[in-house]
Amino acid sequence: PADVSVTTGNPTGRTVSYTLPTATDAADPSPSVACSPASGSFFAIGPTTVTCTATDASGHSTSASFVVTVTYVAPPADVAWSVIWGAPIDGTPAGLVTNTSRTVPVKARLFANGVELTTGSASLRVVTCGGETALVEPLTWGSGRWNAHLDMSLLRPGCYVVIASHGSHDAGSFALDVRGADAAAKPATVTTSTGKDKPKK
């Protein structure tokens, strides 16, 4: 194909699909064609050369190339960013109470003007309620959502806000209350005929 030029509001790049080129051969009616990067790959901002190679049944091959150029166009300032959290984060406003012995799975879906974002760079930023950044974890895309695991042992007990960001844009947050380790379980009791409680064996 001819050179391809696209734009994106994602500062890291975008997914680009193109039509696979065709090849003809005097002896082989259907030589194979493969391109790298493949159609549907994520292309960074700037020009990227795509090389396509045709190979016939005898192993003879030839290559040609074209250029995919991705240009960043800053989104307007009034873009509405939003996030939908998955379990165990719930409530309105969203929040979670946990303890320092847990590693919490975080699942999120990120949106810009209602359009779901499935590529690019996303992260979680854990900030104390006093405004200090305590932890930053990358979000990775998989199973139809962004995923991360927050190790609570890296945080002191206290009040936090967890912010999901895409690129340099904050999409939303949830409140996090980190408490000390779980209290030791107390023995269950049963009431006897004398009315006194005894430990259950």
N, C-alpha and C. Protein backbone atom coordinates (compact mmCIF):
# COMPACT_ATOMS: atom_id res chain seq x y z
N PRO A 1 0.83 -1.21 0.00
CA PRO A 1 0.00 0.00 0.00
C PRO A 1 0.86 1.26 0.00
N ALA A 2 0.19 2.37 -0.27
CA ALA A 2 0.89 3.66 -0.21
C ALA A 2 1.18 4.00 1.26
N ASP A 3 2.01 5.02 1.45
CA ASP A 3 2.29 5.46 2.82
C ASP A 3 0.98 5.80 3.53
N VAL A 4 0.96 5.59 4.85
CA VAL A 4 -0.24 5.82 5.66
C VAL A 4 0.06 6.91 6.67
N SER A 5 -0.85 7.88 6.81
CA SER A 5 -0.72 8.95 7.79
C SER A 5 -2.00 9.00 8.63
N VAL A 6 -1.84 8.96 9.96
CA VAL A 6 -2.98 9.00 10.87
C VAL A 6 -2.66 9.95 12.02
N THR A 7 -3.69 10.36 12.76
CA THR A 7 -3.51 11.21 13.93
C THR A 7 -4.07 10.50 15.16
N THR A 8 -3.67 10.98 16.33
CA THR A 8 -4.16 10.40 17.58
C THR A 8 -4.08 11.44 18.68
N GLY A 9 -4.98 11.30 19.66
CA GLY A 9 -4.91 12.12 20.86
C GLY A 9 -4.13 11.46 21.97
N ASN A 10 -3.60 10.25 21.70
CA ASN A 10 -2.79 9.53 22.67
C ASN A 10 -1.32 9.90 22.46
N PRO A 11 -0.66 10.46 23.46
CA PRO A 11 0.73 10.91 23.25
C PRO A 11 1.72 9.78 23.03
N THR A 12 1.32 8.53 23.22
CA THR A 12 2.24 7.42 23.02
C THR A 12 2.09 6.77 21.65
N GLY A 13 0.98 7.05 20.93
CA GLY A 13 0.77 6.44 19.62
C GLY A 13 -0.62 5.86 19.49
N ARG A 14 -0.80 4.98 18.51
CA ARG A 14 -2.12 4.38 18.30
C ARG A 14 -1.99 3.09 17.49
N THR A 15 -3.05 2.30 17.49
CA THR A 15 -3.13 1.09 16.66
C THR A 15 -3.45 1.50 15.23
N VAL A 16 -2.76 0.89 14.28
CA VAL A 16 -2.98 1.20 12.86
C VAL A 16 -3.20 -0.10 12.09
N SER A 17 -4.26 -0.13 11.30
CA SER A 17 -4.53 -1.27 10.42
C SER A 17 -4.36 -0.83 8.97
N TYR A 18 -3.85 -1.72 8.18
CA TYR A 18 -3.67 -1.42 6.75
C TYR A 18 -3.98 -2.67 5.94
N THR A 19 -4.19 -2.49 4.64
CA THR A 19 -4.48 -3.62 3.75
C THR A 19 -3.20 -4.35 3.40
N LEU A 20 -3.19 -5.65 3.60
CA LEU A 20 -2.00 -6.44 3.29
C LEU A 20 -1.73 -6.40 1.78
N PRO A 21 -0.49 -6.12 1.37
CA PRO A 21 -0.19 -6.10 -0.07
C PRO A 21 -0.30 -7.49 -0.67
N THR A 22 -0.41 -7.54 -1.98
CA THR A 22 -0.48 -8.81 -2.70
C THR A 22 0.80 -9.02 -3.49
N ALA A 23 1.05 -10.28 -3.91
CA ALA A 23 2.25 -10.60 -4.69
C ALA A 23 1.88 -11.61 -5.77
N THR A 24 2.60 -11.55 -6.89
CA THR A 24 2.41 -12.51 -7.98
C THR A 24 3.73 -13.19 -8.27
N ASP A 25 3.65 -14.41 -8.78
CA ASP A 25 4.85 -15.19 -9.08
C ASP A 25 4.57 -16.05 -10.31
N ALA A 26 5.58 -16.21 -11.17
CA ALA A 26 5.39 -16.96 -12.41
C ALA A 26 5.11 -18.43 -12.14
N ALA A 27 5.70 -19.00 -11.09
CA ALA A 27 5.55 -20.43 -10.82
C ALA A 27 4.55 -20.72 -9.71
N ASP A 28 4.50 -19.87 -8.70
CA ASP A 28 3.64 -20.09 -7.53
C ASP A 28 2.43 -19.17 -7.63
N PRO A 29 1.20 -19.71 -7.74
CA PRO A 29 0.03 -18.85 -7.91
C PRO A 29 -0.34 -18.06 -6.66
N SER A 30 0.16 -18.46 -5.52
CA SER A 30 -0.22 -17.74 -4.29
C SER A 30 0.95 -17.65 -3.32
N PRO A 31 1.95 -16.84 -3.63
CA PRO A 31 3.07 -16.66 -2.69
C PRO A 31 2.57 -16.02 -1.39
N SER A 32 3.22 -16.37 -0.28
CA SER A 32 2.83 -15.82 1.02
C SER A 32 3.40 -14.42 1.18
N VAL A 33 2.67 -13.59 1.93
CA VAL A 33 3.10 -12.22 2.18
C VAL A 33 2.99 -11.95 3.68
N ALA A 34 4.05 -11.43 4.27
CA ALA A 34 4.04 -11.06 5.68
C ALA A 34 4.68 -9.69 5.85
N CYS A 35 4.10 -8.89 6.77
CA CYS A 35 4.61 -7.53 6.99
C CYS A 35 4.98 -7.35 8.46
N SER A 36 5.97 -6.49 8.68
CA SER A 36 6.40 -6.18 10.04
C SER A 36 6.72 -4.69 10.15
N PRO A 37 6.08 -3.98 11.11
CA PRO A 37 5.05 -4.41 12.06
C PRO A 37 3.77 -4.81 11.32
N ALA A 38 3.04 -5.78 11.91
CA ALA A 38 1.84 -6.29 11.26
C ALA A 38 0.70 -5.29 11.35
N SER A 39 -0.26 -5.43 10.45
CA SER A 39 -1.47 -4.62 10.51
C SER A 39 -2.15 -4.87 11.85
N GLY A 40 -2.62 -3.80 12.49
CA GLY A 40 -3.24 -3.93 13.81
C GLY A 40 -2.27 -3.75 14.95
N SER A 41 -0.99 -3.48 14.65
CA SER A 41 0.01 -3.26 15.69
C SER A 41 -0.12 -1.84 16.25
N PHE A 42 0.50 -1.63 17.41
CA PHE A 42 0.54 -0.29 18.01
C PHE A 42 1.76 0.44 17.46
N PHE A 43 1.54 1.60 16.85
CA PHE A 43 2.61 2.41 16.25
C PHE A 43 2.86 3.63 17.11
N ALA A 44 4.12 3.89 17.41
CA ALA A 44 4.50 5.05 18.21
C ALA A 44 4.36 6.32 17.39
N ILE A 45 4.37 7.46 18.08
CA ILE A 45 4.32 8.75 17.40
C ILE A 45 5.53 8.90 16.49
N GLY A 46 5.30 9.41 15.26
CA GLY A 46 6.38 9.58 14.30
C GLY A 46 6.28 8.56 13.17
N PRO A 47 7.29 8.53 12.28
CA PRO A 47 7.26 7.60 11.15
C PRO A 47 7.79 6.22 11.54
N THR A 48 7.16 5.18 11.02
CA THR A 48 7.62 3.81 11.20
C THR A 48 7.62 3.12 9.84
N THR A 49 8.73 2.51 9.47
CA THR A 49 8.81 1.80 8.20
C THR A 49 8.26 0.39 8.37
N VAL A 50 7.31 0.04 7.52
CA VAL A 50 6.75 -1.31 7.49
C VAL A 50 7.37 -2.06 6.31
N THR A 51 7.97 -3.19 6.57
CA THR A 51 8.60 -3.99 5.52
C THR A 51 7.76 -5.23 5.27
N CYS A 52 7.40 -5.45 4.01
CA CYS A 52 6.59 -6.60 3.61
C CYS A 52 7.43 -7.52 2.72
N THR A 53 7.38 -8.81 3.00
CA THR A 53 8.17 -9.79 2.27
C THR A 53 7.26 -10.85 1.68
N ALA A 54 7.44 -11.08 0.37
CA ALA A 54 6.69 -12.14 -0.33
C ALA A 54 7.63 -13.31 -0.56
N THR A 55 7.14 -14.53 -0.27
CA THR A 55 7.95 -15.74 -0.43
C THR A 55 7.16 -16.77 -1.22
N ASP A 56 7.81 -17.35 -2.28
CA ASP A 56 7.09 -18.36 -3.08
C ASP A 56 7.40 -19.76 -2.56
N ALA A 57 6.79 -20.75 -3.18
CA ALA A 57 6.91 -22.13 -2.73
C ALA A 57 8.34 -22.65 -2.82
N SER A 58 9.16 -22.04 -3.66
CA SER A 58 10.55 -22.46 -3.82
C SER A 58 11.48 -21.78 -2.81
N GLY A 59 10.93 -20.89 -2.00
CA GLY A 59 11.74 -20.20 -1.00
C GLY A 59 12.33 -18.90 -1.48
N HIS A 60 12.04 -18.51 -2.73
CA HIS A 60 12.52 -17.22 -3.22
C HIS A 60 11.68 -16.11 -2.59
N SER A 61 12.31 -15.00 -2.27
CA SER A 61 11.57 -13.92 -1.62
C SER A 61 12.03 -12.56 -2.13
N THR A 62 11.16 -11.59 -1.96
CA THR A 62 11.48 -10.20 -2.27
C THR A 62 10.72 -9.32 -1.31
N SER A 63 11.21 -8.12 -1.06
CA SER A 63 10.60 -7.24 -0.06
C SER A 63 10.35 -5.85 -0.62
N ALA A 64 9.39 -5.19 -0.02
CA ALA A 64 9.10 -3.79 -0.32
C ALA A 64 8.64 -3.15 0.98
N SER A 65 8.62 -1.84 1.02
CA SER A 65 8.27 -1.17 2.28
C SER A 65 7.43 0.08 2.02
N PHE A 66 6.75 0.52 3.08
CA PHE A 66 6.03 1.78 3.07
C PHE A 66 6.12 2.36 4.48
N VAL A 67 5.68 3.59 4.65
CA VAL A 67 5.85 4.28 5.93
C VAL A 67 4.49 4.59 6.55
N VAL A 68 4.36 4.29 7.83
CA VAL A 68 3.19 4.69 8.62
C VAL A 68 3.62 5.84 9.53
N THR A 69 2.97 6.98 9.40
CA THR A 69 3.29 8.15 10.22
C THR A 69 2.13 8.46 11.14
N VAL A 70 2.40 8.46 12.45
CA VAL A 70 1.39 8.79 13.45
C VAL A 70 1.71 10.17 14.02
N THR A 71 0.75 11.07 13.95
CA THR A 71 0.93 12.44 14.43
C THR A 71 0.05 12.68 15.65
N TYR A 72 0.68 13.19 16.71
CA TYR A 72 -0.08 13.48 17.93
C TYR A 72 -0.80 14.82 17.79
N VAL A 73 -2.10 14.80 18.06
CA VAL A 73 -2.89 16.03 18.09
C VAL A 73 -3.51 16.12 19.47
N ALA A 74 -3.13 17.13 20.25
CA ALA A 74 -3.60 17.26 21.62
C ALA A 74 -5.12 17.35 21.65
N PRO A 75 -5.76 16.56 22.51
CA PRO A 75 -7.22 16.64 22.60
C PRO A 75 -7.65 17.96 23.19
N PRO A 76 -8.86 18.40 22.91
CA PRO A 76 -9.33 19.67 23.48
C PRO A 76 -9.37 19.59 25.00
N ALA A 77 -9.28 20.76 25.63
CA ALA A 77 -9.19 20.80 27.09
C ALA A 77 -10.46 20.31 27.77
N ASP A 78 -11.58 20.28 27.04
CA ASP A 78 -12.85 19.91 27.66
C ASP A 78 -13.16 18.42 27.51
N VAL A 79 -12.14 17.59 27.24
CA VAL A 79 -12.36 16.14 27.18
C VAL A 79 -12.84 15.64 28.54
N ALA A 80 -13.89 14.82 28.52
CA ALA A 80 -14.41 14.25 29.76
C ALA A 80 -13.77 12.88 29.97
N TRP A 81 -12.93 12.77 31.00
CA TRP A 81 -12.26 11.52 31.34
C TRP A 81 -13.06 10.82 32.42
N SER A 82 -13.14 9.48 32.34
CA SER A 82 -13.89 8.74 33.35
C SER A 82 -13.32 7.33 33.48
N VAL A 83 -13.71 6.68 34.59
CA VAL A 83 -13.24 5.33 34.87
C VAL A 83 -14.38 4.52 35.48
N ILE A 84 -14.42 3.25 35.15
CA ILE A 84 -15.33 2.30 35.80
C ILE A 84 -14.46 1.28 36.51
N TRP A 85 -14.63 1.17 37.83
CA TRP A 85 -13.84 0.24 38.63
C TRP A 85 -14.54 -1.11 38.71
N GLY A 86 -13.73 -2.18 38.77
CA GLY A 86 -14.27 -3.51 38.98
C GLY A 86 -14.06 -3.94 40.42
N ALA A 87 -14.73 -5.05 40.81
CA ALA A 87 -14.58 -5.58 42.17
C ALA A 87 -13.10 -5.88 42.44
N PRO A 88 -12.63 -5.65 43.68
CA PRO A 88 -13.38 -5.40 44.91
C PRO A 88 -13.67 -3.94 45.21
N ILE A 89 -13.43 -3.03 44.27
CA ILE A 89 -13.69 -1.61 44.51
C ILE A 89 -15.15 -1.34 44.17
N ASP A 90 -15.88 -0.76 45.09
CA ASP A 90 -17.30 -0.52 44.84
C ASP A 90 -17.79 0.70 45.61
N GLY A 91 -19.09 0.97 45.46
CA GLY A 91 -19.71 2.09 46.15
C GLY A 91 -19.71 3.36 45.33
N THR A 92 -20.49 4.35 45.81
CA THR A 92 -20.56 5.67 45.19
C THR A 92 -20.43 6.71 46.29
N PRO A 93 -19.34 7.45 46.40
CA PRO A 93 -18.15 7.31 45.54
C PRO A 93 -17.41 6.02 45.80
N ALA A 94 -16.59 5.60 44.83
CA ALA A 94 -15.89 4.32 44.92
C ALA A 94 -14.88 4.34 46.06
N GLY A 95 -14.76 3.20 46.74
CA GLY A 95 -13.81 3.12 47.84
C GLY A 95 -13.48 1.68 48.19
N LEU A 96 -12.46 1.53 49.01
CA LEU A 96 -12.02 0.21 49.44
C LEU A 96 -11.37 0.32 50.80
N VAL A 97 -11.74 -0.61 51.71
CA VAL A 97 -11.09 -0.72 53.01
C VAL A 97 -10.34 -2.04 53.02
N THR A 98 -9.05 -2.01 53.33
CA THR A 98 -8.24 -3.21 53.31
C THR A 98 -7.19 -3.11 54.41
N ASN A 99 -6.27 -4.08 54.45
CA ASN A 99 -5.23 -4.05 55.47
C ASN A 99 -3.87 -4.28 54.84
N THR A 100 -2.82 -4.10 55.61
CA THR A 100 -1.46 -4.14 55.08
C THR A 100 -1.00 -5.53 54.69
N SER A 101 -1.78 -6.57 55.00
CA SER A 101 -1.36 -7.93 54.65
C SER A 101 -1.86 -8.37 53.29
N ARG A 102 -2.61 -7.51 52.60
CA ARG A 102 -3.24 -7.91 51.33
C ARG A 102 -2.53 -7.33 50.10
N THR A 103 -2.69 -8.05 48.99
CA THR A 103 -2.38 -7.51 47.67
C THR A 103 -3.71 -7.42 46.93
N VAL A 104 -4.09 -6.22 46.55
CA VAL A 104 -5.43 -5.97 46.01
C VAL A 104 -5.39 -5.93 44.48
N PRO A 105 -6.22 -6.76 43.80
CA PRO A 105 -6.32 -6.64 42.35
C PRO A 105 -7.17 -5.42 41.98
N VAL A 106 -6.66 -4.60 41.09
CA VAL A 106 -7.39 -3.42 40.64
C VAL A 106 -7.75 -3.61 39.17
N LYS A 107 -9.04 -3.47 38.86
CA LYS A 107 -9.54 -3.61 37.50
C LYS A 107 -10.26 -2.33 37.12
N ALA A 108 -9.92 -1.79 35.96
CA ALA A 108 -10.49 -0.50 35.57
C ALA A 108 -10.73 -0.45 34.07
N ARG A 109 -11.77 0.29 33.68
CA ARG A 109 -12.03 0.62 32.27
C ARG A 109 -11.97 2.14 32.16
N LEU A 110 -11.14 2.64 31.24
CA LEU A 110 -10.90 4.07 31.11
C LEU A 110 -11.58 4.61 29.86
N PHE A 111 -12.11 5.84 29.97
CA PHE A 111 -12.86 6.44 28.86
C PHE A 111 -12.46 7.90 28.68
N ALA A 112 -12.50 8.36 27.42
CA ALA A 112 -12.34 9.77 27.08
C ALA A 112 -13.51 10.16 26.19
N ASN A 113 -14.35 11.07 26.68
CA ASN A 113 -15.57 11.45 25.97
C ASN A 113 -16.43 10.22 25.63
N GLY A 114 -16.46 9.27 26.56
CA GLY A 114 -17.29 8.08 26.37
C GLY A 114 -16.67 7.00 25.50
N VAL A 115 -15.49 7.25 24.93
CA VAL A 115 -14.82 6.26 24.09
C VAL A 115 -13.83 5.48 24.95
N GLU A 116 -13.96 4.16 24.96
CA GLU A 116 -13.09 3.36 25.81
C GLU A 116 -11.67 3.33 25.26
N LEU A 117 -10.69 3.48 26.16
CA LEU A 117 -9.27 3.48 25.80
C LEU A 117 -8.69 2.10 26.08
N THR A 118 -8.15 1.46 25.06
CA THR A 118 -7.62 0.10 25.21
C THR A 118 -6.14 0.00 24.87
N THR A 119 -5.53 1.10 24.46
CA THR A 119 -4.11 1.10 24.14
C THR A 119 -3.46 2.31 24.80
N GLY A 120 -2.14 2.37 24.71
CA GLY A 120 -1.41 3.49 25.27
C GLY A 120 -0.83 3.17 26.63
N SER A 121 -0.49 4.21 27.36
CA SER A 121 0.16 4.07 28.65
C SER A 121 -0.80 4.48 29.76
N ALA A 122 -1.05 3.57 30.71
CA ALA A 122 -1.95 3.86 31.82
C ALA A 122 -1.29 3.44 33.13
N SER A 123 -1.69 4.08 34.22
CA SER A 123 -1.05 3.78 35.50
C SER A 123 -1.99 4.11 36.65
N LEU A 124 -1.63 3.59 37.84
CA LEU A 124 -2.30 3.94 39.09
C LEU A 124 -1.33 4.75 39.94
N ARG A 125 -1.80 5.83 40.51
CA ARG A 125 -1.00 6.65 41.40
C ARG A 125 -1.68 6.69 42.77
N VAL A 126 -0.98 6.20 43.79
CA VAL A 126 -1.53 6.17 45.14
C VAL A 126 -1.00 7.40 45.89
N VAL A 127 -1.91 8.25 46.32
CA VAL A 127 -1.55 9.51 46.96
C VAL A 127 -2.12 9.55 48.37
N THR A 128 -1.34 9.98 49.34
CA THR A 128 -1.86 10.13 50.69
C THR A 128 -2.92 11.22 50.69
N CYS A 129 -3.79 11.20 51.71
CA CYS A 129 -4.81 12.24 51.81
C CYS A 129 -4.17 13.61 52.09
N GLY A 130 -2.87 13.60 52.40
CA GLY A 130 -2.13 14.86 52.54
C GLY A 130 -1.53 15.34 51.23
N GLY A 131 -1.68 14.56 50.15
CA GLY A 131 -1.23 15.00 48.83
C GLY A 131 0.12 14.48 48.39
N GLU A 132 0.74 13.57 49.15
CA GLU A 132 2.06 13.05 48.77
C GLU A 132 1.90 11.74 48.01
N THR A 133 2.64 11.60 46.90
CA THR A 133 2.60 10.36 46.12
C THR A 133 3.34 9.27 46.88
N ALA A 134 2.64 8.16 47.14
CA ALA A 134 3.22 7.08 47.91
C ALA A 134 3.62 5.89 47.03
N LEU A 135 2.96 5.73 45.89
CA LEU A 135 3.19 4.53 45.07
C LEU A 135 2.65 4.78 43.67
N VAL A 136 3.36 4.28 42.66
CA VAL A 136 2.89 4.33 41.28
C VAL A 136 3.03 2.94 40.68
N GLU A 137 1.94 2.42 40.10
CA GLU A 137 1.96 1.09 39.49
C GLU A 137 1.43 1.19 38.07
N PRO A 138 2.09 0.51 37.10
CA PRO A 138 1.55 0.53 35.73
C PRO A 138 0.28 -0.29 35.62
N LEU A 139 -0.61 0.12 34.74
CA LEU A 139 -1.79 -0.65 34.38
C LEU A 139 -1.51 -1.35 33.05
N THR A 140 -1.87 -2.62 32.95
CA THR A 140 -1.69 -3.36 31.70
C THR A 140 -3.06 -3.80 31.19
N TRP A 141 -3.20 -3.80 29.86
CA TRP A 141 -4.49 -4.16 29.25
C TRP A 141 -4.58 -5.67 29.07
N GLY A 142 -5.71 -6.25 29.47
CA GLY A 142 -5.93 -7.67 29.29
C GLY A 142 -7.33 -8.05 29.75
N SER A 143 -7.94 -9.03 29.08
CA SER A 143 -9.28 -9.51 29.44
C SER A 143 -10.32 -8.40 29.40
N GLY A 144 -10.14 -7.44 28.47
CA GLY A 144 -11.13 -6.39 28.30
C GLY A 144 -11.09 -5.29 29.34
N ARG A 145 -9.95 -5.11 30.04
CA ARG A 145 -9.85 -4.08 31.07
C ARG A 145 -8.38 -3.81 31.36
N TRP A 146 -8.14 -2.73 32.12
CA TRP A 146 -6.80 -2.42 32.63
C TRP A 146 -6.64 -3.08 33.98
N ASN A 147 -5.45 -3.66 34.23
CA ASN A 147 -5.23 -4.44 35.45
C ASN A 147 -3.94 -4.03 36.15
N ALA A 148 -3.96 -4.11 37.48
CA ALA A 148 -2.77 -3.91 38.30
C ALA A 148 -2.99 -4.62 39.63
N HIS A 149 -1.92 -4.79 40.38
CA HIS A 149 -2.01 -5.36 41.73
C HIS A 149 -1.28 -4.41 42.68
N LEU A 150 -2.01 -3.96 43.71
CA LEU A 150 -1.44 -3.05 44.69
C LEU A 150 -1.07 -3.83 45.95
N ASP A 151 0.23 -3.82 46.27
CA ASP A 151 0.73 -4.49 47.45
C ASP A 151 0.59 -3.54 48.65
N MET A 152 -0.37 -3.84 49.53
CA MET A 152 -0.64 -2.95 50.65
C MET A 152 0.52 -2.89 51.65
N SER A 153 1.40 -3.91 51.63
CA SER A 153 2.53 -3.90 52.56
C SER A 153 3.51 -2.76 52.25
N LEU A 154 3.38 -2.16 51.05
CA LEU A 154 4.24 -1.04 50.68
C LEU A 154 3.70 0.29 51.21
N LEU A 155 2.51 0.25 51.83
CA LEU A 155 1.88 1.47 52.33
C LEU A 155 1.73 1.40 53.85
N ARG A 156 1.82 2.55 54.48
CA ARG A 156 1.54 2.63 55.91
C ARG A 156 0.03 2.69 56.11
N PRO A 157 -0.46 2.19 57.25
CA PRO A 157 -1.89 2.36 57.53
C PRO A 157 -2.27 3.84 57.46
N GLY A 158 -3.41 4.11 56.85
CA GLY A 158 -3.84 5.49 56.74
C GLY A 158 -4.80 5.70 55.59
N CYS A 159 -5.03 6.97 55.26
CA CYS A 159 -5.99 7.40 54.24
C CYS A 159 -5.26 7.72 52.93
N TYR A 160 -5.80 7.18 51.81
CA TYR A 160 -5.17 7.39 50.49
C TYR A 160 -6.26 7.64 49.44
N VAL A 161 -5.81 8.16 48.31
CA VAL A 161 -6.63 8.27 47.10
C VAL A 161 -5.85 7.57 45.99
N VAL A 162 -6.51 6.66 45.26
CA VAL A 162 -5.88 5.94 44.15
C VAL A 162 -6.43 6.51 42.85
N ILE A 163 -5.54 7.03 42.01
CA ILE A 163 -5.93 7.75 40.79
C ILE A 163 -5.51 6.93 39.57
N ALA A 164 -6.45 6.70 38.66
CA ALA A 164 -6.15 6.03 37.38
C ALA A 164 -5.87 7.10 36.33
N SER A 165 -4.74 6.96 35.64
CA SER A 165 -4.35 7.94 34.62
C SER A 165 -4.09 7.26 33.29
N HIS A 166 -4.38 7.98 32.22
CA HIS A 166 -4.05 7.53 30.87
C HIS A 166 -3.19 8.60 30.24
N GLY A 167 -1.92 8.26 29.95
CA GLY A 167 -0.99 9.30 29.52
C GLY A 167 -0.83 10.29 30.66
N SER A 168 -1.05 11.56 30.40
CA SER A 168 -0.92 12.59 31.44
C SER A 168 -2.27 13.01 32.00
N HIS A 169 -3.34 12.26 31.67
CA HIS A 169 -4.69 12.66 32.07
C HIS A 169 -5.22 11.74 33.17
N ASP A 170 -5.74 12.34 34.25
CA ASP A 170 -6.37 11.58 35.32
C ASP A 170 -7.81 11.28 34.93
N ALA A 171 -8.16 9.98 34.96
CA ALA A 171 -9.49 9.58 34.52
C ALA A 171 -10.47 9.46 35.68
N GLY A 172 -9.98 9.17 36.89
CA GLY A 172 -10.86 9.01 38.04
C GLY A 172 -10.10 8.40 39.20
N SER A 173 -10.78 8.29 40.35
CA SER A 173 -10.08 7.82 41.55
C SER A 173 -11.04 7.08 42.47
N PHE A 174 -10.44 6.39 43.46
CA PHE A 174 -11.25 5.82 44.54
C PHE A 174 -10.52 6.03 45.87
N ALA A 175 -11.30 6.06 46.95
CA ALA A 175 -10.74 6.26 48.28
C ALA A 175 -10.22 4.92 48.81
N LEU A 176 -9.06 4.95 49.43
CA LEU A 176 -8.44 3.74 49.98
C LEU A 176 -8.13 3.95 51.45
N ASP A 177 -8.67 3.07 52.29
CA ASP A 177 -8.41 3.10 53.73
C ASP A 177 -7.59 1.87 54.09
N VAL A 178 -6.31 2.07 54.38
CA VAL A 178 -5.41 0.96 54.72
C VAL A 178 -5.30 0.87 56.24
N ARG A 179 -5.62 -0.30 56.76
CA ARG A 179 -5.55 -0.53 58.20
C ARG A 179 -4.45 -1.51 58.52
N GLY A 180 -4.17 -1.68 59.82
CA GLY A 180 -3.13 -2.61 60.23
C GLY A 180 -3.50 -4.03 59.90
N ALA A 181 -2.60 -4.98 60.21
CA ALA A 181 -2.84 -6.39 59.91
C ALA A 181 -4.11 -6.85 60.59
N ASP A 182 -4.74 -7.92 60.06
CA ASP A 182 -5.96 -8.46 60.63
C ASP A 182 -5.77 -8.81 62.11
N ALA A 183 -6.74 -8.48 62.92
CA ALA A 183 -6.68 -8.85 64.33
C ALA A 183 -6.77 -10.35 64.47
N ALA A 184 -6.11 -10.90 65.51
CA ALA A 184 -6.16 -12.34 65.73
C ALA A 184 -7.60 -12.76 65.98
N ALA A 185 -7.99 -13.86 65.37
CA ALA A 185 -9.37 -14.34 65.49
C ALA A 185 -9.66 -14.74 66.93
N LYS A 186 -10.82 -14.32 67.46
CA LYS A 186 -11.22 -14.68 68.80
C LYS A 186 -11.95 -16.02 68.77
N PRO A 187 -11.78 -16.88 69.82
CA PRO A 187 -12.47 -18.16 69.82
C PRO A 187 -13.97 -17.96 69.92
N ALA A 188 -14.73 -18.79 69.19
CA ALA A 188 -16.18 -18.71 69.26
C ALA A 188 -16.65 -19.18 70.63
N THR A 189 -17.84 -18.73 71.07
CA THR A 189 -18.37 -19.12 72.37
C THR A 189 -19.76 -19.71 72.23
N VAL A 190 -20.14 -20.54 73.20
CA VAL A 190 -21.50 -21.09 73.26
C VAL A 190 -22.04 -20.81 74.64
N THR A 191 -23.32 -20.62 74.73
CA THR A 191 -23.95 -20.35 76.02
C THR A 191 -24.40 -21.65 76.66
N THR A 192 -23.95 -21.91 77.91
CA THR A 192 -24.31 -23.14 78.63
C THR A 192 -25.58 -22.89 79.43
N SER A 193 -26.05 -23.94 80.09
CA SER A 193 -27.28 -23.83 80.88
C SER A 193 -27.10 -22.92 82.09
N THR A 194 -25.84 -22.67 82.47
CA THR A 194 -25.59 -21.76 83.60
C THR A 194 -25.58 -20.32 83.18
N GLY A 195 -25.68 -20.10 81.84
CA GLY A 195 -25.67 -18.73 81.34
C GLY A 195 -24.32 -18.16 81.13
N LYS A 196 -23.24 -18.93 81.35
CA LYS A 196 -21.88 -18.45 81.16
C LYS A 196 -21.35 -18.92 79.81
N ASP A 197 -20.47 -18.11 79.25
CA ASP A 197 -19.88 -18.48 77.96
C ASP A 197 -18.62 -19.27 78.16
N LYS A 198 -18.46 -20.32 77.37
CA LYS A 198 -17.24 -21.11 77.39
C LYS A 198 -16.70 -21.19 75.97
N PRO A 199 -15.37 -21.25 75.84
CA PRO A 199 -14.79 -21.37 74.49
C PRO A 199 -15.28 -22.64 73.80
N LYS A 200 -15.59 -22.51 72.53
CA LYS A 200 -15.99 -23.68 71.74
C LYS A 200 -14.75 -24.44 71.33
N LYS A 201 -14.74 -25.77 71.55
CA LYS A 201 -13.58 -26.60 71.21
C LYS A 201 -13.70 -27.08 69.77
